[in-house]
PDB file of all heavy atoms in Angstrom:
ATOM      1  N   ASP A   1      27.025 -26.112 -24.022  1.00  0.00           N
ATOM      2  CA  ASP A   1      26.751 -24.704 -24.001  1.00  0.00           C
ATOM      3  C   ASP A   1      25.641 -24.320 -23.097  1.00  0.00           C
ATOM      4  O   ASP A   1      25.158 -23.228 -23.007  1.00  0.00           O
ATOM      5  CB  ASP A   1      26.460 -24.109 -25.505  1.00  0.00           C
ATOM      6  CG  ASP A   1      25.185 -24.949 -26.023  1.00  0.00           C
ATOM      7  OD1 ASP A   1      24.863 -26.040 -25.469  1.00  0.00           O
ATOM      8  OD2 ASP A   1      24.502 -24.298 -26.937  1.00  0.00           O
ATOM      9  N   LEU A   2      25.239 -25.306 -22.359  1.00  0.00           N
ATOM     10  CA  LEU A   2      23.867 -25.201 -21.542  1.00  0.00           C
ATOM     11  C   LEU A   2      23.944 -25.581 -20.208  1.00  0.00           C
ATOM     12  O   LEU A   2      24.631 -26.596 -19.886  1.00  0.00           O
ATOM     13  CB  LEU A   2      22.809 -26.179 -22.367  1.00  0.00           C
ATOM     14  CG  LEU A   2      21.491 -26.156 -21.728  1.00  0.00           C
ATOM     15  CD1 LEU A   2      20.672 -24.834 -21.893  1.00  0.00           C
ATOM     16  CD2 LEU A   2      20.662 -27.212 -22.539  1.00  0.00           C
ATOM     17  N   GLY A   3      23.400 -24.737 -19.217  1.00  0.00           N
ATOM     18  CA  GLY A   3      23.451 -24.982 -17.871  1.00  0.00           C
ATOM     19  C   GLY A   3      21.999 -24.733 -17.335  1.00  0.00           C
ATOM     20  O   GLY A   3      21.202 -24.154 -18.054  1.00  0.00           O
ATOM     21  N   GLU A   4      21.708 -25.137 -16.175  1.00  0.00           N
ATOM     22  CA  GLU A   4      20.403 -24.923 -15.571  1.00  0.00           C
ATOM     23  C   GLU A   4      20.679 -24.286 -14.129  1.00  0.00           C
ATOM     24  O   GLU A   4      21.564 -24.639 -13.382  1.00  0.00           O
ATOM     25  CB  GLU A   4      19.689 -26.250 -15.422  1.00  0.00           C
ATOM     26  CG  GLU A   4      18.406 -26.089 -14.636  1.00  0.00           C
ATOM     27  CD  GLU A   4      17.657 -27.303 -14.240  1.00  0.00           C
ATOM     28  OE1 GLU A   4      18.258 -28.462 -14.440  1.00  0.00           O
ATOM     29  OE2 GLU A   4      16.549 -27.304 -13.924  1.00  0.00           O
ATOM     30  N   VAL A   5      19.891 -23.260 -13.914  1.00  0.00           N
ATOM     31  CA  VAL A   5      19.771 -22.622 -12.560  1.00  0.00           C
ATOM     32  C   VAL A   5      18.783 -23.528 -11.737  1.00  0.00           C
ATOM     33  O   VAL A   5      17.606 -23.675 -12.195  1.00  0.00           O
ATOM     34  CB  VAL A   5      19.237 -21.174 -12.648  1.00  0.00           C
ATOM     35  CG1 VAL A   5      18.990 -20.630 -11.186  1.00  0.00           C
ATOM     36  CG2 VAL A   5      20.261 -20.314 -13.393  1.00  0.00           C
ATOM     37  N   ARG A   6      19.354 -24.011 -10.670  1.00  0.00           N
ATOM     38  CA  ARG A   6      18.539 -25.035  -9.854  1.00  0.00           C
ATOM     39  C   ARG A   6      18.440 -24.539  -8.458  1.00  0.00           C
ATOM     40  O   ARG A   6      19.298 -23.820  -7.957  1.00  0.00           O
ATOM     41  CB  ARG A   6      19.154 -26.359  -9.777  1.00  0.00           C
ATOM     42  CG  ARG A   6      19.200 -27.103 -11.136  1.00  0.00           C
ATOM     43  CD  ARG A   6      19.683 -28.572 -10.913  1.00  0.00           C
ATOM     44  NE  ARG A   6      19.429 -29.202 -12.216  1.00  0.00           N
ATOM     45  CZ  ARG A   6      19.716 -30.467 -12.294  1.00  0.00           C
ATOM     46  NH1 ARG A   6      20.507 -31.229 -11.365  1.00  0.00           N
ATOM     47  NH2 ARG A   6      19.541 -31.215 -13.423  1.00  0.00           N
ATOM     48  N   THR A   7      17.381 -24.982  -7.796  1.00  0.00           N
ATOM     49  CA  THR A   7      17.286 -24.893  -6.348  1.00  0.00           C
ATOM     50  C   THR A   7      17.562 -23.448  -5.889  1.00  0.00           C
ATOM     51  O   THR A   7      18.287 -23.130  -4.940  1.00  0.00           O
ATOM     52  CB  THR A   7      18.264 -25.830  -5.646  1.00  0.00           C
ATOM     53  OG1 THR A   7      18.098 -27.074  -6.295  1.00  0.00           O
ATOM     54  CG2 THR A   7      17.660 -26.066  -4.160  1.00  0.00           C
ATOM     55  N   LEU A   8      16.935 -22.447  -6.503  1.00  0.00           N
ATOM     56  CA  LEU A   8      17.074 -21.123  -6.200  1.00  0.00           C
ATOM     57  C   LEU A   8      16.081 -20.754  -4.996  1.00  0.00           C
ATOM     58  O   LEU A   8      14.829 -20.813  -5.263  1.00  0.00           O
ATOM     59  CB  LEU A   8      16.777 -20.185  -7.311  1.00  0.00           C
ATOM     60  CG  LEU A   8      16.988 -18.670  -7.113  1.00  0.00           C
ATOM     61  CD1 LEU A   8      18.448 -18.353  -6.796  1.00  0.00           C
ATOM     62  CD2 LEU A   8      16.488 -17.767  -8.267  1.00  0.00           C
ATOM     63  N   LEU A   9      16.546 -20.466  -3.859  1.00  0.00           N
ATOM     64  CA  LEU A   9      15.790 -20.090  -2.665  1.00  0.00           C
ATOM     65  C   LEU A   9      16.224 -19.008  -1.900  1.00  0.00           C
ATOM     66  O   LEU A   9      17.443 -18.746  -1.874  1.00  0.00           O
ATOM     67  CB  LEU A   9      15.880 -21.394  -1.696  1.00  0.00           C
ATOM     68  CG  LEU A   9      15.410 -22.767  -2.161  1.00  0.00           C
ATOM     69  CD1 LEU A   9      15.900 -23.757  -1.258  1.00  0.00           C
ATOM     70  CD2 LEU A   9      14.049 -22.779  -2.303  1.00  0.00           C
ATOM     71  N   VAL A  10      15.316 -18.260  -1.368  1.00  0.00           N
ATOM     72  CA  VAL A  10      15.701 -17.099  -0.463  1.00  0.00           C
ATOM     73  C   VAL A  10      14.859 -17.224   0.724  1.00  0.00           C
ATOM     74  O   VAL A  10      13.554 -17.370   0.616  1.00  0.00           O
ATOM     75  CB  VAL A  10      15.450 -15.711  -1.291  1.00  0.00           C
ATOM     76  CG1 VAL A  10      15.766 -14.610  -0.243  1.00  0.00           C
ATOM     77  CG2 VAL A  10      16.442 -15.680  -2.538  1.00  0.00           C
ATOM     78  N   ALA A  11      15.410 -17.038   1.940  1.00  0.00           N
ATOM     79  CA  ALA A  11      14.598 -17.093   3.153  1.00  0.00           C
ATOM     80  C   ALA A  11      13.588 -15.966   3.176  1.00  0.00           C
ATOM     81  O   ALA A  11      13.878 -14.872   2.672  1.00  0.00           O
ATOM     82  CB  ALA A  11      15.658 -16.841   4.331  1.00  0.00           C
ATOM     83  N   ASP A  12      12.400 -16.268   3.666  1.00  0.00           N
ATOM     84  CA  ASP A  12      11.229 -15.369   3.697  1.00  0.00           C
ATOM     85  C   ASP A  12      11.759 -14.001   4.202  1.00  0.00           C
ATOM     86  O   ASP A  12      11.301 -12.913   3.613  1.00  0.00           O
ATOM     87  CB  ASP A  12      10.152 -15.949   4.476  1.00  0.00           C
ATOM     88  CG  ASP A  12       9.449 -17.091   3.892  1.00  0.00           C
ATOM     89  OD1 ASP A  12       9.621 -17.316   2.579  1.00  0.00           O
ATOM     90  OD2 ASP A  12       8.677 -17.749   4.536  1.00  0.00           O
ATOM     91  N   ASP A  13      12.472 -13.912   5.241  1.00  0.00           N
ATOM     92  CA  ASP A  13      12.896 -12.535   5.744  1.00  0.00           C
ATOM     93  C   ASP A  13      13.790 -11.727   4.869  1.00  0.00           C
ATOM     94  O   ASP A  13      13.964 -10.558   5.044  1.00  0.00           O
ATOM     95  CB  ASP A  13      13.629 -12.752   7.245  1.00  0.00           C
ATOM     96  CG  ASP A  13      12.778 -13.410   8.199  1.00  0.00           C
ATOM     97  OD1 ASP A  13      11.496 -13.448   8.152  1.00  0.00           O
ATOM     98  OD2 ASP A  13      13.313 -13.778   9.239  1.00  0.00           O
ATOM     99  N   TRP A  14      14.352 -12.358   3.884  1.00  0.00           N
ATOM    100  CA  TRP A  14      15.257 -11.802   2.922  1.00  0.00           C
ATOM    101  C   TRP A  14      14.611 -11.522   1.544  1.00  0.00           C
ATOM    102  O   TRP A  14      15.281 -11.117   0.668  1.00  0.00           O
ATOM    103  CB  TRP A  14      16.597 -12.575   2.799  1.00  0.00           C
ATOM    104  CG  TRP A  14      17.317 -12.399   4.147  1.00  0.00           C
ATOM    105  CD1 TRP A  14      17.315 -13.093   5.337  1.00  0.00           C
ATOM    106  CD2 TRP A  14      18.367 -11.365   4.310  1.00  0.00           C
ATOM    107  NE1 TRP A  14      18.107 -12.540   6.151  1.00  0.00           N
ATOM    108  CE2 TRP A  14      18.775 -11.481   5.717  1.00  0.00           C
ATOM    109  CE3 TRP A  14      18.862 -10.350   3.500  1.00  0.00           C
ATOM    110  CZ2 TRP A  14      19.844 -10.762   6.199  1.00  0.00           C
ATOM    111  CZ3 TRP A  14      19.948  -9.587   4.105  1.00  0.00           C
ATOM    112  CH2 TRP A  14      20.304  -9.708   5.378  1.00  0.00           C
ATOM    113  N   LEU A  15      13.354 -11.892   1.336  1.00  0.00           N
ATOM    114  CA  LEU A  15      12.722 -11.689   0.045  1.00  0.00           C
ATOM    115  C   LEU A  15      12.662 -10.173  -0.295  1.00  0.00           C
ATOM    116  O   LEU A  15      12.489  -9.375   0.580  1.00  0.00           O
ATOM    117  CB  LEU A  15      11.318 -12.304   0.056  1.00  0.00           C
ATOM    118  CG  LEU A  15      11.222 -13.789   0.083  1.00  0.00           C
ATOM    119  CD1 LEU A  15       9.781 -14.200   0.309  1.00  0.00           C
ATOM    120  CD2 LEU A  15      11.778 -14.391  -1.182  1.00  0.00           C
ATOM    121  N   HIS A  16      12.762  -9.902  -1.556  1.00  0.00           N
ATOM    122  CA  HIS A  16      12.667  -8.521  -2.079  1.00  0.00           C
ATOM    123  C   HIS A  16      13.790  -7.575  -1.585  1.00  0.00           C
ATOM    124  O   HIS A  16      13.617  -6.403  -1.557  1.00  0.00           O
ATOM    125  CB  HIS A  16      11.293  -7.942  -1.779  1.00  0.00           C
ATOM    126  CG  HIS A  16      10.200  -8.857  -2.285  1.00  0.00           C
ATOM    127  ND1 HIS A  16       9.913  -9.153  -3.662  1.00  0.00           N
ATOM    128  CD2 HIS A  16       9.270  -9.602  -1.615  1.00  0.00           C
ATOM    129  CE1 HIS A  16       8.945  -9.929  -3.677  1.00  0.00           C
ATOM    130  NE2 HIS A  16       8.604 -10.217  -2.517  1.00  0.00           N
ATOM    131  N   ARG A  17      14.995  -8.178  -1.316  1.00  0.00           N
ATOM    132  CA  ARG A  17      16.053  -7.413  -0.850  1.00  0.00           C
ATOM    133  C   ARG A  17      17.362  -7.646  -1.644  1.00  0.00           C
ATOM    134  O   ARG A  17      18.410  -7.249  -1.292  1.00  0.00           O
ATOM    135  CB  ARG A  17      16.343  -7.688   0.576  1.00  0.00           C
ATOM    136  CG  ARG A  17      15.241  -7.296   1.476  1.00  0.00           C
ATOM    137  CD  ARG A  17      15.277  -7.749   2.897  1.00  0.00           C
ATOM    138  NE  ARG A  17      16.293  -7.215   3.633  1.00  0.00           N
ATOM    139  CZ  ARG A  17      16.473  -7.507   4.916  1.00  0.00           C
ATOM    140  NH1 ARG A  17      15.704  -8.420   5.591  1.00  0.00           N
ATOM    141  NH2 ARG A  17      17.473  -6.911   5.673  1.00  0.00           N
ATOM    142  N   GLY A  18      17.152  -8.232  -2.928  1.00  0.00           N
ATOM    143  CA  GLY A  18      18.217  -8.389  -3.939  1.00  0.00           C
ATOM    144  C   GLY A  18      19.019  -9.610  -3.731  1.00  0.00           C
ATOM    145  O   GLY A  18      19.980  -9.853  -4.396  1.00  0.00           O
ATOM    146  N   VAL A  19      18.593 -10.490  -2.857  1.00  0.00           N
ATOM    147  CA  VAL A  19      19.314 -11.782  -2.596  1.00  0.00           C
ATOM    148  C   VAL A  19      19.249 -12.785  -3.788  1.00  0.00           C
ATOM    149  O   VAL A  19      20.362 -13.156  -4.235  1.00  0.00           O
ATOM    150  CB  VAL A  19      18.910 -12.471  -1.295  1.00  0.00           C
ATOM    151  CG1 VAL A  19      19.600 -13.811  -1.123  1.00  0.00           C
ATOM    152  CG2 VAL A  19      19.048 -11.600   0.013  1.00  0.00           C
ATOM    153  N   GLY A  20      18.057 -12.929  -4.220  1.00  0.00           N
ATOM    154  CA  GLY A  20      17.848 -13.718  -5.505  1.00  0.00           C
ATOM    155  C   GLY A  20      18.584 -13.301  -6.624  1.00  0.00           C
ATOM    156  O   GLY A  20      19.259 -14.052  -7.400  1.00  0.00           O
ATOM    157  N   ARG A  21      18.380 -11.986  -6.901  1.00  0.00           N
ATOM    158  CA  ARG A  21      19.184 -11.429  -8.087  1.00  0.00           C
ATOM    159  C   ARG A  21      20.615 -11.579  -7.938  1.00  0.00           C
ATOM    160  O   ARG A  21      21.251 -11.897  -8.935  1.00  0.00           O
ATOM    161  CB  ARG A  21      18.819  -9.906  -8.149  1.00  0.00           C
ATOM    162  CG  ARG A  21      19.516  -9.226  -9.334  1.00  0.00           C
ATOM    163  CD  ARG A  21      19.301  -7.783  -9.252  1.00  0.00           C
ATOM    164  NE  ARG A  21      19.810  -7.017  -8.117  1.00  0.00           N
ATOM    165  CZ  ARG A  21      19.210  -6.306  -7.242  1.00  0.00           C
ATOM    166  NH1 ARG A  21      18.005  -6.156  -7.342  1.00  0.00           N
ATOM    167  NH2 ARG A  21      19.964  -5.762  -6.254  1.00  0.00           N
ATOM    168  N   ALA A  22      21.246 -11.368  -6.720  1.00  0.00           N
ATOM    169  CA  ALA A  22      22.668 -11.534  -6.491  1.00  0.00           C
ATOM    170  C   ALA A  22      23.091 -12.857  -6.789  1.00  0.00           C
ATOM    171  O   ALA A  22      24.109 -13.264  -7.365  1.00  0.00           O
ATOM    172  CB  ALA A  22      22.992 -11.029  -5.078  1.00  0.00           C
ATOM    173  N   ILE A  23      22.277 -13.918  -6.351  1.00  0.00           N
ATOM    174  CA  ILE A  23      22.582 -15.275  -6.591  1.00  0.00           C
ATOM    175  C   ILE A  23      22.613 -15.659  -8.057  1.00  0.00           C
ATOM    176  O   ILE A  23      23.466 -16.221  -8.622  1.00  0.00           O
ATOM    177  CB  ILE A  23      21.731 -16.174  -5.827  1.00  0.00           C
ATOM    178  CG1 ILE A  23      21.937 -16.068  -4.300  1.00  0.00           C
ATOM    179  CG2 ILE A  23      21.972 -17.700  -6.197  1.00  0.00           C
ATOM    180  CD1 ILE A  23      20.928 -16.746  -3.407  1.00  0.00           C
ATOM    181  N   VAL A  24      21.526 -15.229  -8.741  1.00  0.00           N
ATOM    182  CA  VAL A  24      21.467 -15.462 -10.197  1.00  0.00           C
ATOM    183  C   VAL A  24      22.555 -14.812 -10.915  1.00  0.00           C
ATOM    184  O   VAL A  24      23.118 -15.336 -11.832  1.00  0.00           O
ATOM    185  CB  VAL A  24      20.030 -15.107 -10.755  1.00  0.00           C
ATOM    186  CG1 VAL A  24      20.045 -15.228 -12.271  1.00  0.00           C
ATOM    187  CG2 VAL A  24      18.978 -15.994 -10.192  1.00  0.00           C
ATOM    188  N   GLU A  25      22.884 -13.593 -10.598  1.00  0.00           N
ATOM    189  CA  GLU A  25      24.011 -12.840 -11.251  1.00  0.00           C
ATOM    190  C   GLU A  25      25.338 -13.616 -11.109  1.00  0.00           C
ATOM    191  O   GLU A  25      26.244 -13.816 -12.015  1.00  0.00           O
ATOM    192  CB  GLU A  25      24.156 -11.398 -10.940  1.00  0.00           C
ATOM    193  CG  GLU A  25      23.011 -10.458 -11.349  1.00  0.00           C
ATOM    194  CD  GLU A  25      22.987  -9.161 -10.748  1.00  0.00           C
ATOM    195  OE1 GLU A  25      23.795  -8.788  -9.837  1.00  0.00           O
ATOM    196  OE2 GLU A  25      22.091  -8.382 -11.221  1.00  0.00           O
ATOM    197  N   ALA A  26      25.501 -14.131  -9.869  1.00  0.00           N
ATOM    198  CA  ALA A  26      26.758 -14.787  -9.621  1.00  0.00           C
ATOM    199  C   ALA A  26      26.788 -16.271 -10.402  1.00  0.00           C
ATOM    200  O   ALA A  26      27.806 -16.667 -10.863  1.00  0.00           O
ATOM    201  CB  ALA A  26      26.935 -15.141  -8.152  1.00  0.00           C
ATOM    202  N   LEU A  27      25.656 -16.953 -10.422  1.00  0.00           N
ATOM    203  CA  LEU A  27      25.526 -18.124 -11.141  1.00  0.00           C
ATOM    204  C   LEU A  27      25.836 -17.867 -12.699  1.00  0.00           C
ATOM    205  O   LEU A  27      26.451 -18.708 -13.345  1.00  0.00           O
ATOM    206  CB  LEU A  27      24.102 -18.789 -10.970  1.00  0.00           C
ATOM    207  CG  LEU A  27      23.878 -19.274  -9.622  1.00  0.00           C
ATOM    208  CD1 LEU A  27      22.427 -19.721  -9.597  1.00  0.00           C
ATOM    209  CD2 LEU A  27      24.792 -20.563  -9.277  1.00  0.00           C
ATOM    210  N   GLU A  28      25.238 -16.837 -13.205  1.00  0.00           N
ATOM    211  CA  GLU A  28      25.430 -16.415 -14.537  1.00  0.00           C
ATOM    212  C   GLU A  28      26.949 -16.184 -14.778  1.00  0.00           C
ATOM    213  O   GLU A  28      27.521 -16.622 -15.901  1.00  0.00           O
ATOM    214  CB  GLU A  28      24.684 -15.242 -14.984  1.00  0.00           C
ATOM    215  CG  GLU A  28      23.328 -15.490 -15.192  1.00  0.00           C
ATOM    216  CD  GLU A  28      22.454 -14.271 -15.531  1.00  0.00           C
ATOM    217  OE1 GLU A  28      23.084 -13.217 -15.852  1.00  0.00           O
ATOM    218  OE2 GLU A  28      21.241 -14.380 -15.516  1.00  0.00           O
ATOM    219  N   ALA A  29      27.696 -15.599 -13.913  1.00  0.00           N
ATOM    220  CA  ALA A  29      29.118 -15.316 -13.954  1.00  0.00           C
ATOM    221  C   ALA A  29      29.885 -16.661 -14.018  1.00  0.00           C
ATOM    222  O   ALA A  29      30.730 -16.869 -14.891  1.00  0.00           O
ATOM    223  CB  ALA A  29      29.638 -14.527 -12.874  1.00  0.00           C
ATOM    224  N   ASN A  30      29.409 -17.579 -13.238  1.00  0.00           N
ATOM    225  CA  ASN A  30      30.134 -18.920 -13.174  1.00  0.00           C
ATOM    226  C   ASN A  30      29.713 -19.653 -14.555  1.00  0.00           C
ATOM    227  O   ASN A  30      30.694 -20.390 -14.979  1.00  0.00           O
ATOM    228  CB  ASN A  30      29.482 -19.738 -12.063  1.00  0.00           C
ATOM    229  CG  ASN A  30      30.084 -19.376 -10.668  1.00  0.00           C
ATOM    230  OD1 ASN A  30      30.839 -18.417 -10.529  1.00  0.00           O
ATOM    231  ND2 ASN A  30      29.438 -19.981  -9.614  1.00  0.00           N
ATOM    232  N   ALA A  31      28.641 -19.502 -14.987  1.00  0.00           N
ATOM    233  CA  ALA A  31      28.253 -20.102 -16.380  1.00  0.00           C
ATOM    234  C   ALA A  31      29.046 -19.632 -17.405  1.00  0.00           C
ATOM    235  O   ALA A  31      29.566 -20.322 -18.246  1.00  0.00           O
ATOM    236  CB  ALA A  31      26.738 -19.837 -16.551  1.00  0.00           C
ATOM    237  N   ARG A  32      29.409 -18.287 -17.458  1.00  0.00           N
ATOM    238  CA  ARG A  32      30.194 -17.640 -18.440  1.00  0.00           C
ATOM    239  C   ARG A  32      31.713 -18.230 -18.245  1.00  0.00           C
ATOM    240  O   ARG A  32      32.358 -18.627 -19.266  1.00  0.00           O
ATOM    241  CB  ARG A  32      30.220 -16.164 -18.352  1.00  0.00           C
ATOM    242  CG  ARG A  32      28.918 -15.601 -18.886  1.00  0.00           C
ATOM    243  CD  ARG A  32      29.073 -13.969 -18.847  1.00  0.00           C
ATOM    244  NE  ARG A  32      27.734 -13.365 -19.267  1.00  0.00           N
ATOM    245  CZ  ARG A  32      26.793 -13.144 -18.273  1.00  0.00           C
ATOM    246  NH1 ARG A  32      26.894 -13.274 -17.117  1.00  0.00           N
ATOM    247  NH2 ARG A  32      25.599 -12.642 -18.777  1.00  0.00           N
ATOM    248  N   GLU A  33      32.145 -18.308 -17.037  1.00  0.00           N
ATOM    249  CA  GLU A  33      33.529 -18.992 -16.786  1.00  0.00           C
ATOM    250  C   GLU A  33      33.559 -20.304 -17.363  1.00  0.00           C
ATOM    251  O   GLU A  33      34.756 -20.753 -17.801  1.00  0.00           O
ATOM    252  CB  GLU A  33      33.798 -18.924 -15.391  1.00  0.00           C
ATOM    253  CG  GLU A  33      34.131 -17.635 -14.744  1.00  0.00           C
ATOM    254  CD  GLU A  33      35.445 -17.150 -15.122  1.00  0.00           C
ATOM    255  OE1 GLU A  33      36.373 -17.936 -15.059  1.00  0.00           O
ATOM    256  OE2 GLU A  33      35.588 -15.943 -15.439  1.00  0.00           O
ATOM    257  N   LEU A  34      32.545 -21.020 -17.298  1.00  0.00           N
ATOM    258  CA  LEU A  34      32.543 -22.467 -17.751  1.00  0.00           C
ATOM    259  C   LEU A  34      32.293 -22.401 -19.428  1.00  0.00           C
ATOM    260  O   LEU A  34      32.312 -23.599 -19.899  1.00  0.00           O
ATOM    261  CB  LEU A  34      31.345 -23.254 -17.074  1.00  0.00           C
ATOM    262  CG  LEU A  34      31.747 -23.490 -15.690  1.00  0.00           C
ATOM    263  CD1 LEU A  34      30.460 -24.045 -14.959  1.00  0.00           C
ATOM    264  CD2 LEU A  34      32.931 -24.442 -15.506  1.00  0.00           C
ATOM    265  N   GLY A  35      32.066 -21.265 -19.912  1.00  0.00           N
ATOM    266  CA  GLY A  35      31.793 -21.267 -21.410  1.00  0.00           C
ATOM    267  C   GLY A  35      30.439 -21.581 -21.832  1.00  0.00           C
ATOM    268  O   GLY A  35      30.232 -21.889 -23.051  1.00  0.00           O
ATOM    269  N   LEU A  36      29.467 -21.544 -20.825  1.00  0.00           N
ATOM    270  CA  LEU A  36      28.128 -21.661 -21.247  1.00  0.00           C
ATOM    271  C   LEU A  36      27.531 -20.576 -21.830  1.00  0.00           C
ATOM    272  O   LEU A  36      27.968 -19.364 -21.563  1.00  0.00           O
ATOM    273  CB  LEU A  36      27.337 -22.141 -20.052  1.00  0.00           C
ATOM    274  CG  LEU A  36      27.747 -23.345 -19.189  1.00  0.00           C
ATOM    275  CD1 LEU A  36      26.884 -23.553 -18.000  1.00  0.00           C
ATOM    276  CD2 LEU A  36      27.980 -24.578 -20.063  1.00  0.00           C
ATOM    277  N   THR A  37      26.694 -20.661 -22.884  1.00  0.00           N
ATOM    278  CA  THR A  37      25.998 -19.601 -23.456  1.00  0.00           C
ATOM    279  C   THR A  37      24.582 -19.530 -23.356  1.00  0.00           C
ATOM    280  O   THR A  37      23.864 -18.505 -23.774  1.00  0.00           O
ATOM    281  CB  THR A  37      26.318 -19.531 -24.988  1.00  0.00           C
ATOM    282  OG1 THR A  37      25.899 -20.809 -25.546  1.00  0.00           O
ATOM    283  CG2 THR A  37      27.909 -19.433 -25.311  1.00  0.00           C
ATOM    284  N   ARG A  38      23.983 -20.553 -22.709  1.00  0.00           N
ATOM    285  CA  ARG A  38      22.524 -20.556 -22.436  1.00  0.00           C
ATOM    286  C   ARG A  38      22.268 -21.177 -21.055  1.00  0.00           C
ATOM    287  O   ARG A  38      23.002 -22.126 -20.606  1.00  0.00           O
ATOM    288  CB  ARG A  38      21.793 -21.469 -23.452  1.00  0.00           C
ATOM    289  CG  ARG A  38      21.844 -21.009 -24.935  1.00  0.00           C
ATOM    290  CD  ARG A  38      21.082 -21.769 -25.916  1.00  0.00           C
ATOM    291  NE  ARG A  38      21.605 -23.146 -25.813  1.00  0.00           N
ATOM    292  CZ  ARG A  38      20.898 -24.210 -26.295  1.00  0.00           C
ATOM    293  NH1 ARG A  38      19.793 -24.032 -26.850  1.00  0.00           N
ATOM    294  NH2 ARG A  38      21.411 -25.419 -26.356  1.00  0.00           N
ATOM    295  N   LEU A  39      21.307 -20.532 -20.318  1.00  0.00           N
ATOM    296  CA  LEU A  39      20.848 -20.966 -18.982  1.00  0.00           C
ATOM    297  C   LEU A  39      19.382 -21.260 -19.035  1.00  0.00           C
ATOM    298  O   LEU A  39      18.511 -20.536 -19.582  1.00  0.00           O
ATOM    299  CB  LEU A  39      21.072 -19.980 -17.970  1.00  0.00           C
ATOM    300  CG  LEU A  39      22.453 -19.736 -17.412  1.00  0.00           C
ATOM    301  CD1 LEU A  39      22.536 -18.743 -16.381  1.00  0.00           C
ATOM    302  CD2 LEU A  39      23.064 -21.026 -16.860  1.00  0.00           C
TER     303      LEU A  39
END
């Protein structure tokens, strides 16, 4: 039921433009697909 978000990086030029948020949201969607309930 448990996964880890690892190696989350955003290029300096792209910071504060929603890139990190979009990556985390997509990772969470993948976690749900795998049946994980905690990250």
